[in-house]
Amino acid sequence: MSEDRTSQPRSWLDRFTDLFSDDPRSRQDIKDIVREAAERSIVDTETLSILEGALQVSDMQVRDIMIPRSQMISLQKDETIKEFLPRIIESAHSRFPVMGDDHNEVAGILLAKDLLPLLLTGGADEFSLSSVLRPANFVPESKRLQVLLSEFRSNRNHMAIVVDEFGGVAGLVTIEDVLEQIVGDIEDEHDQDEENNIKEVENGIFMVKAQTNVEDFNSAFETGLPTSDFDTIGGLVTHHFGRVPECNESITIDGIKFRVTNSNSRKINLLEVHPD
């Protein structure tokens, strides 16, 4: 007796495919389709976020996500290891641009792992930074992110120096920056420092990570920001803007001034807070 396949439960892939039966004509059509898929519980919210992130990346350029030059942690090619090693340890990064005599000259890229042989040889006094530099990869601000991601994968680079239309150094971008636009934050053991979410940088001025819990914020600053609708201070600030704000935009909420110091197209990462 043959099995009646019409009575079998349809897979999520079958149902998801049905959503595309009208042949979407634009990215917005695709976004609407995947959102409808989430509403029908064909895909979960995390999958929806990844699909939307992938679509968003196709519209973005390097300038939209790059780390600006003012925030780059770089080394100077004439520095000794004793001079730059504390900076490497404090930042916990794995790659560092090394600058030359001119402020737009990039001598190369230092991989922190290339310093490990010094532990065995003990040759710190004779160490030459230029001897371990890797070639720098340069990309224009206008390069599309999906093209950059493809290049990162093909040439196995994880970092690129971003240059402006005049050839000057505008910032840097990493493969992690691109992937975070698709899958969200990629955190490691150095990102998770819950005890240091709120840090005073000047008298009465604080840097606050956007993922800080609103209740923790209220406790630290003795404030009464609402906790019922938002878990994080970044979510609350975004709500008051009515959109994801750009860097250096400010807003005052219940007498507290918030200035966005780090954000991307999807969310706030860091806030400067003036509680008074």
C-alpha atoms as a PDB file:
ATOM      1  CA  MET A   1       0.000   0.000   0.000  1.00  0.00           C
ATOM      2  CA  SER A   2       1.595   3.284  -1.050  1.00  0.00           C
ATOM      3  CA  GLU A   3       2.115   6.032   1.479  1.00  0.00           C
ATOM      4  CA  ASP A   4      -0.111   9.086   1.138  1.00  0.00           C
ATOM      5  CA  ARG A   5       2.523  11.844   1.120  1.00  0.00           C
ATOM      6  CA  THR A   6      -0.100  14.587   1.152  1.00  0.00           C
ATOM      7  CA  SER A   7      -0.956  13.625   4.709  1.00  0.00           C
ATOM      8  CA  GLN A   8       2.613  13.964   5.944  1.00  0.00           C
ATOM      9  CA  PRO A   9       3.689  17.087   7.854  1.00  0.00           C
ATOM     10  CA  ARG A  10       5.410  19.557   5.563  1.00  0.00           C
ATOM     11  CA  SER A  11       8.960  20.511   6.413  1.00  0.00           C
ATOM     12  CA  TRP A  12       9.868  24.088   7.374  1.00  0.00           C
ATOM     13  CA  LEU A  13      11.881  24.265   4.126  1.00  0.00           C
ATOM     14  CA  ASP A  14       8.774  23.413   2.071  1.00  0.00           C
ATOM     15  CA  ARG A  15       6.781  26.067   3.855  1.00  0.00           C
ATOM     16  CA  PHE A  16       9.592  28.632   3.595  1.00  0.00           C
ATOM     17  CA  THR A  17       9.920  27.922  -0.142  1.00  0.00           C
ATOM     18  CA  ASP A  18       6.225  28.610  -0.604  1.00  0.00           C
ATOM     19  CA  LEU A  19       6.776  32.138   0.633  1.00  0.00           C
ATOM     20  CA  PHE A  20       8.953  32.839  -2.407  1.00  0.00           C
ATOM     21  CA  SER A  21       6.366  31.621  -4.889  1.00  0.00           C
ATOM     22  CA  ASP A  22       5.520  35.220  -5.862  1.00  0.00           C
ATOM     23  CA  ASP A  23       9.074  35.868  -7.127  1.00  0.00           C
ATOM     24  CA  PRO A  24      10.349  38.797  -4.983  1.00  0.00           C
ATOM     25  CA  ARG A  25      11.501  41.725  -7.104  1.00  0.00           C
ATOM     26  CA  SER A  26      13.500  43.685  -4.516  1.00  0.00           C
ATOM     27  CA  ARG A  27      15.428  43.288  -1.272  1.00  0.00           C
ATOM     28  CA  GLN A  28      12.482  44.789   0.571  1.00  0.00           C
ATOM     29  CA  ASP A  29      10.264  42.014  -0.835  1.00  0.00           C
ATOM     30  CA  ILE A  30      12.718  39.458   0.555  1.00  0.00           C
ATOM     31  CA  LYS A  31      12.777  41.196   3.934  1.00  0.00           C
ATOM     32  CA  ASP A  32       8.996  41.144   4.043  1.00  0.00           C
ATOM     33  CA  ILE A  33       9.006  37.449   3.165  1.00  0.00           C
ATOM     34  CA  VAL A  34      11.470  36.420   5.886  1.00  0.00           C
ATOM     35  CA  ARG A  35       9.590  38.507   8.466  1.00  0.00           C
ATOM     36  CA  GLU A  36       6.385  36.764   7.475  1.00  0.00           C
ATOM     37  CA  ALA A  37       8.222  33.475   7.862  1.00  0.00           C
ATOM     38  CA  ALA A  38       9.127  34.457  11.420  1.00  0.00           C
ATOM     39  CA  GLU A  39       5.544  35.474  12.165  1.00  0.00           C
ATOM     40  CA  ARG A  40       4.399  32.031  10.990  1.00  0.00           C
ATOM     41  CA  SER A  41       7.092  30.395  13.178  1.00  0.00           C
ATOM     42  CA  ILE A  42       8.754  28.901  10.092  1.00  0.00           C
ATOM     43  CA  VAL A  43      12.055  30.441  11.225  1.00  0.00           C
ATOM     44  CA  ASP A  44      12.978  31.592  14.726  1.00  0.00           C
ATOM     45  CA  THR A  45      13.904  35.141  15.667  1.00  0.00           C
ATOM     46  CA  GLU A  46      17.651  34.428  15.647  1.00  0.00           C
ATOM     47  CA  THR A  47      17.466  33.066  12.102  1.00  0.00           C
ATOM     48  CA  LEU A  48      15.400  36.096  11.106  1.00  0.00           C
ATOM     49  CA  SER A  49      18.086  38.405  12.514  1.00  0.00           C
ATOM     50  CA  ILE A  50      20.820  36.610  10.560  1.00  0.00           C
ATOM     51  CA  LEU A  51      18.831  36.703   7.310  1.00  0.00           C
ATOM     52  CA  GLU A  52      18.103  40.406   7.732  1.00  0.00           C
ATOM     53  CA  GLY A  53      21.745  41.061   8.607  1.00  0.00           C
ATOM     54  CA  ALA A  54      22.908  39.295   5.457  1.00  0.00           C
ATOM     55  CA  LEU A  55      20.524  41.381   3.356  1.00  0.00           C
ATOM     56  CA  GLN A  56      21.654  44.556   5.088  1.00  0.00           C
ATOM     57  CA  VAL A  57      25.323  43.833   4.416  1.00  0.00           C
ATOM     58  CA  SER A  58      24.643  43.858   0.678  1.00  0.00           C
ATOM     59  CA  ASP A  59      23.671  47.535   0.986  1.00  0.00           C
ATOM     60  CA  MET A  60      26.573  48.608   3.199  1.00  0.00           C
ATOM     61  CA  GLN A  61      30.053  49.972   2.531  1.00  0.00           C
ATOM     62  CA  VAL A  62      33.250  49.735   4.542  1.00  0.00           C
ATOM     63  CA  ARG A  63      32.852  53.321   5.795  1.00  0.00           C
ATOM     64  CA  ASP A  64      29.639  52.260   7.555  1.00  0.00           C
ATOM     65  CA  ILE A  65      31.377  49.908   9.992  1.00  0.00           C
ATOM     66  CA  MET A  66      35.086  50.779  10.020  1.00  0.00           C
ATOM     67  CA  ILE A  67      36.908  51.675  13.222  1.00  0.00           C
ATOM     68  CA  PRO A  68      37.848  55.331  12.660  1.00  0.00           C
ATOM     69  CA  ARG A  69      41.470  56.355  12.771  1.00  0.00           C
ATOM     70  CA  SER A  70      40.993  58.186  16.084  1.00  0.00           C
ATOM     71  CA  GLN A  71      40.001  54.873  17.740  1.00  0.00           C
ATOM     72  CA  MET A  72      42.692  52.684  16.168  1.00  0.00           C
ATOM     73  CA  ILE A  73      45.171  51.019  18.498  1.00  0.00           C
ATOM     74  CA  SER A  74      48.383  51.188  16.517  1.00  0.00           C
ATOM     75  CA  LEU A  75      52.134  50.908  17.042  1.00  0.00           C
ATOM     76  CA  GLN A  76      55.027  52.969  15.744  1.00  0.00           C
ATOM     77  CA  LYS A  77      57.691  51.124  13.770  1.00  0.00           C
ATOM     78  CA  ASP A  78      60.520  52.710  15.803  1.00  0.00           C
ATOM     79  CA  GLU A  79      59.060  51.677  19.184  1.00  0.00           C
ATOM     80  CA  THR A  80      60.832  49.116  21.328  1.00  0.00           C
ATOM     81  CA  ILE A  81      59.017  46.044  22.577  1.00  0.00           C
ATOM     82  CA  LYS A  82      59.051  47.448  26.112  1.00  0.00           C
ATOM     83  CA  GLU A  83      57.259  50.541  24.849  1.00  0.00           C
ATOM     84  CA  PHE A  84      54.449  48.863  22.907  1.00  0.00           C
ATOM     85  CA  LEU A  85      53.974  45.569  24.788  1.00  0.00           C
ATOM     86  CA  PRO A  86      51.803  47.102  27.563  1.00  0.00           C
ATOM     87  CA  ARG A  87      49.472  48.469  24.874  1.00  0.00           C
ATOM     88  CA  ILE A  88      49.152  45.016  23.295  1.00  0.00           C
ATOM     89  CA  ILE A  89      48.429  43.375  26.635  1.00  0.00           C
ATOM     90  CA  GLU A  90      45.856  45.995  27.653  1.00  0.00           C
ATOM     91  CA  SER A  91      43.938  45.896  24.357  1.00  0.00           C
ATOM     92  CA  ALA A  92      43.998  42.082  24.077  1.00  0.00           C
ATOM     93  CA  HIS A  93      43.799  42.400  20.288  1.00  0.00           C
ATOM     94  CA  SER A  94      45.555  39.948  18.003  1.00  0.00           C
ATOM     95  CA  ARG A  95      46.527  42.320  15.137  1.00  0.00           C
ATOM     96  CA  PHE A  96      47.943  45.824  15.170  1.00  0.00           C
ATOM     97  CA  PRO A  97      48.680  48.290  12.371  1.00  0.00           C
ATOM     98  CA  VAL A  98      52.238  49.609  12.581  1.00  0.00           C
ATOM     99  CA  MET A  99      52.664  53.188  11.444  1.00  0.00           C
ATOM    100  CA  GLY A 100      55.726  54.730   9.830  1.00  0.00           C
ATOM    101  CA  ASP A 101      57.215  58.210  10.027  1.00  0.00           C
ATOM    102  CA  ASP A 102      54.348  59.805   8.130  1.00  0.00           C
ATOM    103  CA  HIS A 103      50.914  59.672   9.761  1.00  0.00           C
ATOM    104  CA  ASN A 104      49.520  58.070   6.588  1.00  0.00           C
ATOM    105  CA  GLU A 105      52.322  55.538   6.187  1.00  0.00           C
ATOM    106  CA  VAL A 106      51.438  51.994   7.246  1.00  0.00           C
ATOM    107  CA  ALA A 107      54.596  49.933   7.597  1.00  0.00           C
ATOM    108  CA  GLY A 108      52.708  46.677   8.060  1.00  0.00           C
ATOM    109  CA  ILE A 109      50.633  44.579  10.438  1.00  0.00           C
ATOM    110  CA  LEU A 110      51.926  42.955  13.621  1.00  0.00           C
ATOM    111  CA  LEU A 111      50.372  39.672  14.691  1.00  0.00           C
ATOM    112  CA  ALA A 112      50.675  39.349  18.457  1.00  0.00           C
ATOM    113  CA  LYS A 113      51.483  35.638  18.094  1.00  0.00           C
ATOM    114  CA  ASP A 114      54.692  36.580  16.255  1.00  0.00           C
ATOM    115  CA  LEU A 115      56.053  37.837  19.573  1.00  0.00           C
ATOM    116  CA  LEU A 116      55.797  34.398  21.194  1.00  0.00           C
ATOM    117  CA  PRO A 117      59.249  33.179  20.028  1.00  0.00           C
ATOM    118  CA  LEU A 118      60.750  35.863  22.260  1.00  0.00           C
ATOM    119  CA  LEU A 119      59.603  33.831  25.259  1.00  0.00           C
ATOM    120  CA  LEU A 120      61.975  31.065  24.187  1.00  0.00           C
ATOM    121  CA  THR A 121      64.868  33.085  22.832  1.00  0.00           C
ATOM    122  CA  GLY A 122      64.788  35.921  25.348  1.00  0.00           C
ATOM    123  CA  GLY A 123      65.970  38.271  22.613  1.00  0.00           C
ATOM    124  CA  ALA A 124      63.836  41.278  23.501  1.00  0.00           C
ATOM    125  CA  ASP A 125      66.819  43.654  23.466  1.00  0.00           C
ATOM    126  CA  GLU A 126      67.721  42.696  19.894  1.00  0.00           C
ATOM    127  CA  PHE A 127      64.121  42.518  18.707  1.00  0.00           C
ATOM    128  CA  SER A 128      63.281  44.468  15.549  1.00  0.00           C
ATOM    129  CA  LEU A 129      59.616  45.203  14.925  1.00  0.00           C
ATOM    130  CA  SER A 130      60.131  45.555  11.184  1.00  0.00           C
ATOM    131  CA  SER A 131      61.464  41.994  10.977  1.00  0.00           C
ATOM    132  CA  VAL A 132      58.116  40.426  11.919  1.00  0.00           C
ATOM    133  CA  LEU A 133      55.664  42.708  10.108  1.00  0.00           C
ATOM    134  CA  ARG A 134      53.123  41.252   7.705  1.00  0.00           C
ATOM    135  CA  PRO A 135      52.050  43.193   4.593  1.00  0.00           C
ATOM    136  CA  ALA A 136      49.075  45.484   5.114  1.00  0.00           C
ATOM    137  CA  ASN A 137      45.927  45.090   3.039  1.00  0.00           C
ATOM    138  CA  PHE A 138      44.310  48.357   1.893  1.00  0.00           C
ATOM    139  CA  VAL A 139      40.680  48.894   0.922  1.00  0.00           C
ATOM    140  CA  PRO A 140      38.731  52.046  -0.029  1.00  0.00           C
ATOM    141  CA  GLU A 141      35.967  53.415   2.173  1.00  0.00           C
ATOM    142  CA  SER A 142      33.468  52.796  -0.615  1.00  0.00           C
ATOM    143  CA  LYS A 143      34.082  49.037  -0.970  1.00  0.00           C
ATOM    144  CA  ARG A 144      30.935  46.964  -0.532  1.00  0.00           C
ATOM    145  CA  LEU A 145      30.930  44.752   2.545  1.00  0.00           C
ATOM    146  CA  GLN A 146      29.947  41.581   0.708  1.00  0.00           C
ATOM    147  CA  VAL A 147      32.916  42.110  -1.647  1.00  0.00           C
ATOM    148  CA  LEU A 148      35.250  42.701   1.300  1.00  0.00           C
ATOM    149  CA  LEU A 149      34.025  39.553   3.047  1.00  0.00           C
ATOM    150  CA  SER A 150      34.688  37.533  -0.100  1.00  0.00           C
ATOM    151  CA  GLU A 151      38.211  38.997  -0.300  1.00  0.00           C
ATOM    152  CA  PHE A 152      38.880  38.249   3.368  1.00  0.00           C
ATOM    153  CA  ARG A 153      37.912  34.632   2.757  1.00  0.00           C
ATOM    154  CA  SER A 154      39.983  34.253  -0.418  1.00  0.00           C
ATOM    155  CA  ASN A 155      43.193  35.933   0.745  1.00  0.00           C
ATOM    156  CA  ARG A 156      42.863  34.806   4.381  1.00  0.00           C
ATOM    157  CA  ASN A 157      43.381  38.307   5.723  1.00  0.00           C
ATOM    158  CA  HIS A 158      41.507  39.278   8.873  1.00  0.00           C
ATOM    159  CA  MET A 159      42.226  43.011   8.846  1.00  0.00           C
ATOM    160  CA  ALA A 160      42.361  45.757   6.241  1.00  0.00           C
ATOM    161  CA  ILE A 161      43.459  49.380   6.437  1.00  0.00           C
ATOM    162  CA  VAL A 162      40.761  51.715   5.137  1.00  0.00           C
ATOM    163  CA  VAL A 163      41.902  54.635   2.984  1.00  0.00           C
ATOM    164  CA  ASP A 164      39.976  57.695   1.881  1.00  0.00           C
ATOM    165  CA  GLU A 165      39.751  59.109  -1.632  1.00  0.00           C
ATOM    166  CA  PHE A 166      43.063  60.944  -1.174  1.00  0.00           C
ATOM    167  CA  GLY A 167      44.938  57.843  -0.036  1.00  0.00           C
ATOM    168  CA  GLY A 168      45.032  58.843   3.621  1.00  0.00           C
ATOM    169  CA  VAL A 169      44.375  56.370   6.421  1.00  0.00           C
ATOM    170  CA  ALA A 170      40.713  56.653   7.435  1.00  0.00           C
ATOM    171  CA  GLY A 171      40.531  53.676   9.793  1.00  0.00           C
ATOM    172  CA  LEU A 172      40.577  49.900   9.802  1.00  0.00           C
ATOM    173  CA  VAL A 173      38.121  47.050   9.392  1.00  0.00           C
ATOM    174  CA  THR A 174      38.291  43.400  10.424  1.00  0.00           C
ATOM    175  CA  ILE A 175      36.503  40.269   9.309  1.00  0.00           C
ATOM    176  CA  GLU A 176      34.858  40.209  12.731  1.00  0.00           C
ATOM    177  CA  ASP A 177      33.356  43.656  12.075  1.00  0.00           C
ATOM    178  CA  VAL A 178      31.754  42.359   8.883  1.00  0.00           C
ATOM    179  CA  LEU A 179      30.475  39.123  10.410  1.00  0.00           C
ATOM    180  CA  GLU A 180      28.955  40.997  13.355  1.00  0.00           C
ATOM    181  CA  GLN A 181      26.734  42.854  10.896  1.00  0.00           C
ATOM    182  CA  ILE A 182      25.242  39.472   9.993  1.00  0.00           C
ATOM    183  CA  VAL A 183      25.216  37.437  13.198  1.00  0.00           C
ATOM    184  CA  GLY A 184      25.455  40.132  15.874  1.00  0.00           C
ATOM    185  CA  ASP A 185      28.174  40.544  18.480  1.00  0.00           C
ATOM    186  CA  ILE A 186      30.940  37.951  18.467  1.00  0.00           C
ATOM    187  CA  GLU A 187      32.108  38.170  22.052  1.00  0.00           C
ATOM    188  CA  ASP A 188      35.167  36.556  23.567  1.00  0.00           C
ATOM    189  CA  GLU A 189      36.565  36.317  27.059  1.00  0.00           C
ATOM    190  CA  HIS A 190      37.915  39.859  26.784  1.00  0.00           C
ATOM    191  CA  ASP A 191      34.531  41.353  25.872  1.00  0.00           C
ATOM    192  CA  GLN A 192      32.731  39.931  28.879  1.00  0.00           C
ATOM    193  CA  ASP A 193      33.735  42.161  31.761  1.00  0.00           C
ATOM    194  CA  GLU A 194      30.503  42.677  33.647  1.00  0.00           C
ATOM    195  CA  GLU A 195      32.215  44.409  36.562  1.00  0.00           C
ATOM    196  CA  ASN A 196      33.579  47.078  34.247  1.00  0.00           C
ATOM    197  CA  ASN A 197      30.407  47.987  32.364  1.00  0.00           C
ATOM    198  CA  ILE A 198      30.430  51.416  34.014  1.00  0.00           C
ATOM    199  CA  LYS A 199      33.695  53.312  34.215  1.00  0.00           C
ATOM    200  CA  GLU A 200      34.364  56.898  35.271  1.00  0.00           C
ATOM    201  CA  VAL A 201      36.712  58.540  32.765  1.00  0.00           C
ATOM    202  CA  GLU A 202      36.586  62.085  34.079  1.00  0.00           C
ATOM    203  CA  ASN A 203      35.114  63.790  37.097  1.00  0.00           C
ATOM    204  CA  GLY A 204      31.383  63.221  36.678  1.00  0.00           C
ATOM    205  CA  ILE A 205      31.645  61.669  33.195  1.00  0.00           C
ATOM    206  CA  PHE A 206      31.212  57.931  32.700  1.00  0.00           C
ATOM    207  CA  MET A 207      31.601  55.427  29.865  1.00  0.00           C
ATOM    208  CA  VAL A 208      28.818  52.841  29.969  1.00  0.00           C
ATOM    209  CA  LYS A 209      28.562  49.711  27.840  1.00  0.00           C
ATOM    210  CA  ALA A 210      25.220  49.570  26.048  1.00  0.00           C
ATOM    211  CA  GLN A 211      24.520  46.030  27.269  1.00  0.00           C
ATOM    212  CA  THR A 212      24.469  47.264  30.890  1.00  0.00           C
ATOM    213  CA  ASN A 213      21.276  46.180  32.618  1.00  0.00           C
ATOM    214  CA  VAL A 214      18.932  49.117  33.330  1.00  0.00           C
ATOM    215  CA  GLU A 215      18.549  47.992  36.948  1.00  0.00           C
ATOM    216  CA  ASP A 216      22.345  47.994  37.356  1.00  0.00           C
ATOM    217  CA  PHE A 217      22.473  51.463  35.799  1.00  0.00           C
ATOM    218  CA  ASN A 218      19.827  52.735  38.209  1.00  0.00           C
ATOM    219  CA  SER A 219      21.695  51.238  41.132  1.00  0.00           C
ATOM    220  CA  ALA A 220      25.010  52.786  40.100  1.00  0.00           C
ATOM    221  CA  PHE A 221      23.625  56.280  39.460  1.00  0.00           C
ATOM    222  CA  GLU A 222      20.686  56.244  41.904  1.00  0.00           C
ATOM    223  CA  THR A 223      18.278  56.943  39.048  1.00  0.00           C
ATOM    224  CA  GLY A 224      14.799  55.687  38.267  1.00  0.00           C
ATOM    225  CA  LEU A 225      14.850  54.821  34.582  1.00  0.00           C
ATOM    226  CA  PRO A 226      12.020  52.411  33.660  1.00  0.00           C
ATOM    227  CA  THR A 227      12.933  48.730  33.761  1.00  0.00           C
ATOM    228  CA  SER A 228       9.695  47.142  32.575  1.00  0.00           C
ATOM    229  CA  ASP A 229      10.110  47.620  28.821  1.00  0.00           C
ATOM    230  CA  PHE A 230      13.901  47.404  28.304  1.00  0.00           C
ATOM    231  CA  ASP A 231      16.575  45.118  29.710  1.00  0.00           C
ATOM    232  CA  THR A 232      19.588  47.191  28.658  1.00  0.00           C
ATOM    233  CA  ILE A 233      20.486  50.858  28.740  1.00  0.00           C
ATOM    234  CA  GLY A 234      21.289  50.698  25.025  1.00  0.00           C
ATOM    235  CA  GLY A 235      17.776  49.490  24.263  1.00  0.00           C
ATOM    236  CA  LEU A 236      16.246  52.284  26.312  1.00  0.00           C
ATOM    237  CA  VAL A 237      18.350  54.973  24.619  1.00  0.00           C
ATOM    238  CA  THR A 238      17.591  53.576  21.151  1.00  0.00           C
ATOM    239  CA  HIS A 239      13.880  53.674  21.960  1.00  0.00           C
ATOM    240  CA  HIS A 240      14.054  57.357  22.897  1.00  0.00           C
ATOM    241  CA  PHE A 241      15.885  58.182  19.659  1.00  0.00           C
ATOM    242  CA  GLY A 242      13.259  56.259  17.696  1.00  0.00           C
ATOM    243  CA  ARG A 243      16.050  54.717  15.597  1.00  0.00           C
ATOM    244  CA  VAL A 244      19.610  53.483  15.939  1.00  0.00           C
ATOM    245  CA  PRO A 245      21.622  56.684  16.548  1.00  0.00           C
ATOM    246  CA  GLU A 246      24.959  57.461  14.961  1.00  0.00           C
ATOM    247  CA  CYS A 247      28.212  58.179  16.785  1.00  0.00           C
ATOM    248  CA  ASN A 248      28.358  61.528  18.629  1.00  0.00           C
ATOM    249  CA  GLU A 249      24.574  61.945  18.687  1.00  0.00           C
ATOM    250  CA  SER A 250      23.239  62.967  22.105  1.00  0.00           C
ATOM    251  CA  ILE A 251      19.948  62.755  23.951  1.00  0.00           C
ATOM    252  CA  THR A 252      18.789  63.662  27.460  1.00  0.00           C
ATOM    253  CA  ILE A 253      16.529  61.228  29.325  1.00  0.00           C
ATOM    254  CA  ASP A 254      15.180  62.142  32.765  1.00  0.00           C
ATOM    255  CA  GLY A 255      17.908  64.730  33.147  1.00  0.00           C
ATOM    256  CA  ILE A 256      20.706  62.331  32.172  1.00  0.00           C
ATOM    257  CA  LYS A 257      22.699  63.174  29.046  1.00  0.00           C
ATOM    258  CA  PHE A 258      23.726  60.235  26.864  1.00  0.00           C
ATOM    259  CA  ARG A 259      26.206  60.630  24.011  1.00  0.00           C
ATOM    260  CA  VAL A 260      26.760  57.730  21.627  1.00  0.00           C
ATOM    261  CA  THR A 261      30.489  57.066  21.282  1.00  0.00           C
ATOM    262  CA  ASN A 262      30.380  53.723  19.481  1.00  0.00           C
ATOM    263  CA  SER A 263      27.611  52.222  17.375  1.00  0.00           C
ATOM    264  CA  ASN A 264      26.933  50.476  14.116  1.00  0.00           C
ATOM    265  CA  SER A 265      23.925  50.357  11.839  1.00  0.00           C
ATOM    266  CA  ARG A 266      22.164  47.847  14.075  1.00  0.00           C
ATOM    267  CA  LYS A 267      22.798  48.902  17.670  1.00  0.00           C
ATOM    268  CA  ILE A 268      24.608  51.094  20.186  1.00  0.00           C
ATOM    269  CA  ASN A 269      27.796  49.686  21.714  1.00  0.00           C
ATOM    270  CA  LEU A 270      29.086  52.396  24.059  1.00  0.00           C
ATOM    271  CA  LEU A 271      27.677  55.514  25.706  1.00  0.00           C
ATOM    272  CA  GLU A 272      29.182  58.545  27.393  1.00  0.00           C
ATOM    273  CA  VAL A 273      26.963  59.439  30.349  1.00  0.00           C
ATOM    274  CA  HIS A 274      26.640  62.760  32.167  1.00  0.00           C
ATOM    275  CA  PRO A 275      24.398  61.924  35.127  1.00  0.00           C
ATOM    276  CA  ASP A 276      23.971  65.529  36.355  1.00  0.00           C
END
